[in-house]
């Protein structure tokens, strides 16, 4: 699960707190949480990591919305959440609403338990 964010994105900070609380218990051996920053200035991104105590793997290529990775996933606004399978196929993409992604991931995990 990739969370697209940036140090300058106020809604990202507000939603991160809700997201962190909900997703903490969903992070398992089958779900990795990755934070992908669209910051272009690495200093701002590093300061944010120290302040927010991020719970995930964190990446920043300093290319913002120009990043080929961001363009490939058609990320046009943040915060955004993208769930990929083990082969890198997009299973779900959500812009702005972490609860929608939380419900989707939780539902998939419950289905897998039933199999």
Protein backbone atom coordinates (compact mmCIF):
# COMPACT_ATOMS: atom_id res chain seq x y z
CA UNK A 1 0.00 0.00 0.00
CA UNK A 2 1.55 3.28 -1.12
CA UNK A 3 0.57 6.58 0.47
CA UNK A 4 1.38 9.61 -1.69
CA UNK A 5 2.00 12.70 0.41
CA UNK A 6 4.21 15.79 0.77
CA UNK A 7 5.46 18.04 3.54
CA UNK A 8 3.54 21.01 2.09
CA UNK A 9 0.20 19.17 1.93
CA UNK A 10 -1.91 20.18 4.96
CA UNK A 11 -4.70 17.63 4.26
CA UNK A 12 -2.04 14.92 4.05
CA UNK A 13 -0.93 15.65 7.62
CA UNK A 14 -4.45 15.60 9.01
CA UNK A 15 -5.34 12.40 7.20
CA UNK A 16 -2.04 10.74 8.10
CA UNK A 17 -2.99 10.73 11.77
CA UNK A 18 -6.32 9.00 11.02
CA UNK A 19 -4.64 6.69 8.54
CA UNK A 20 -1.87 5.72 10.94
CA UNK A 21 -4.34 4.80 13.68
CA UNK A 22 -6.49 2.68 11.36
CA UNK A 23 -3.74 0.98 9.39
CA UNK A 24 -1.30 0.15 12.19
CA UNK A 25 -3.01 -3.17 12.85
CA UNK A 26 -3.41 -4.03 9.14
CA UNK A 27 0.31 -3.90 8.43
CA UNK A 28 1.30 -7.56 8.31
CA UNK A 29 3.63 -9.80 6.40
CA UNK A 30 1.18 -9.52 3.49
CA UNK A 31 0.70 -5.73 3.62
CA UNK A 32 3.59 -3.31 3.45
CA UNK A 33 3.00 0.39 4.00
CA UNK A 34 5.12 2.71 1.87
CA UNK A 35 5.09 6.49 2.08
CA UNK A 36 6.01 8.21 -1.19
CA UNK A 37 6.67 11.93 -0.88
CA UNK A 38 6.13 14.34 -3.73
CA UNK A 39 8.47 16.84 -2.13
CA UNK A 40 11.04 18.37 -4.44
CA UNK A 41 13.17 19.65 -1.55
CA UNK A 42 14.61 16.74 0.38
CA UNK A 43 15.24 18.84 3.52
CA UNK A 44 11.53 19.50 4.01
CA UNK A 45 10.76 15.83 3.55
CA UNK A 46 13.43 14.76 6.08
CA UNK A 47 12.12 17.28 8.63
CA UNK A 48 8.62 15.88 8.21
CA UNK A 49 9.84 12.33 8.78
CA UNK A 50 11.44 13.35 12.06
CA UNK A 51 8.37 15.29 13.25
CA UNK A 52 5.69 12.75 12.30
CA UNK A 53 7.53 9.53 13.23
CA UNK A 54 6.38 7.75 10.07
CA UNK A 55 5.50 4.08 10.53
CA UNK A 56 6.40 3.00 7.03
CA UNK A 57 9.12 2.73 4.48
CA UNK A 58 9.61 6.23 3.08
CA UNK A 59 10.76 7.33 -0.36
CA UNK A 60 11.24 10.64 -2.12
CA UNK A 61 12.67 11.00 -5.63
CA UNK A 62 12.50 14.83 -5.47
CA UNK A 63 10.60 15.01 -8.76
CA UNK A 64 7.13 15.75 -7.38
CA UNK A 65 4.30 15.26 -9.85
CA UNK A 66 6.89 15.01 -12.66
CA UNK A 67 8.12 11.66 -11.32
CA UNK A 68 7.73 8.85 -13.88
CA UNK A 69 6.41 6.61 -11.09
CA UNK A 70 3.76 9.18 -10.12
CA UNK A 71 2.82 9.71 -13.77
CA UNK A 72 2.57 5.95 -14.42
CA UNK A 73 0.07 5.64 -11.57
CA UNK A 74 -1.78 8.79 -12.73
CA UNK A 75 -1.49 10.50 -9.35
CA UNK A 76 -2.90 13.99 -9.90
CA UNK A 77 -3.62 15.05 -6.33
CA UNK A 78 -2.60 14.15 -2.80
CA UNK A 79 -3.14 12.56 -0.45
CA UNK A 80 -3.59 9.47 -2.58
CA UNK A 81 -3.53 5.78 -1.71
CA UNK A 82 -2.62 2.97 -4.11
CA UNK A 83 -2.81 -0.71 -3.29
CA UNK A 84 -0.66 -2.96 -5.47
CA UNK A 85 -0.53 -6.73 -5.54
CA UNK A 86 2.77 -8.63 -5.35
CA UNK A 87 3.18 -8.33 -9.12
CA UNK A 88 2.73 -4.55 -9.04
CA UNK A 89 -0.79 -4.57 -10.46
CA UNK A 90 -3.03 -1.78 -9.13
CA UNK A 91 -5.86 -3.29 -7.09
CA UNK A 92 -7.33 -0.02 -5.82
CA UNK A 93 -6.57 3.68 -6.10
CA UNK A 94 -8.17 6.27 -3.83
CA UNK A 95 -7.69 10.03 -3.82
CA UNK A 96 -8.18 11.84 -0.56
CA UNK A 97 -10.16 9.36 1.53
CA UNK A 98 -8.10 7.01 3.69
CA UNK A 99 -11.22 5.38 5.15
CA UNK A 100 -12.26 4.09 1.73
CA UNK A 101 -8.86 2.41 1.29
CA UNK A 102 -8.91 1.09 4.86
CA UNK A 103 -12.30 -0.55 4.26
CA UNK A 104 -11.09 -2.07 0.99
CA UNK A 105 -7.89 -3.52 2.49
CA UNK A 106 -9.71 -4.82 5.55
CA UNK A 107 -12.32 -6.47 3.33
CA UNK A 108 -9.67 -8.16 1.18
CA UNK A 109 -7.86 -9.44 4.26
CA UNK A 110 -11.11 -10.89 5.64
CA UNK A 111 -11.82 -12.60 2.31
CA UNK A 112 -8.34 -14.15 2.27
CA UNK A 113 -8.90 -15.59 5.76
CA UNK A 114 -12.04 -17.31 4.48
CA UNK A 115 -10.17 -19.03 1.63
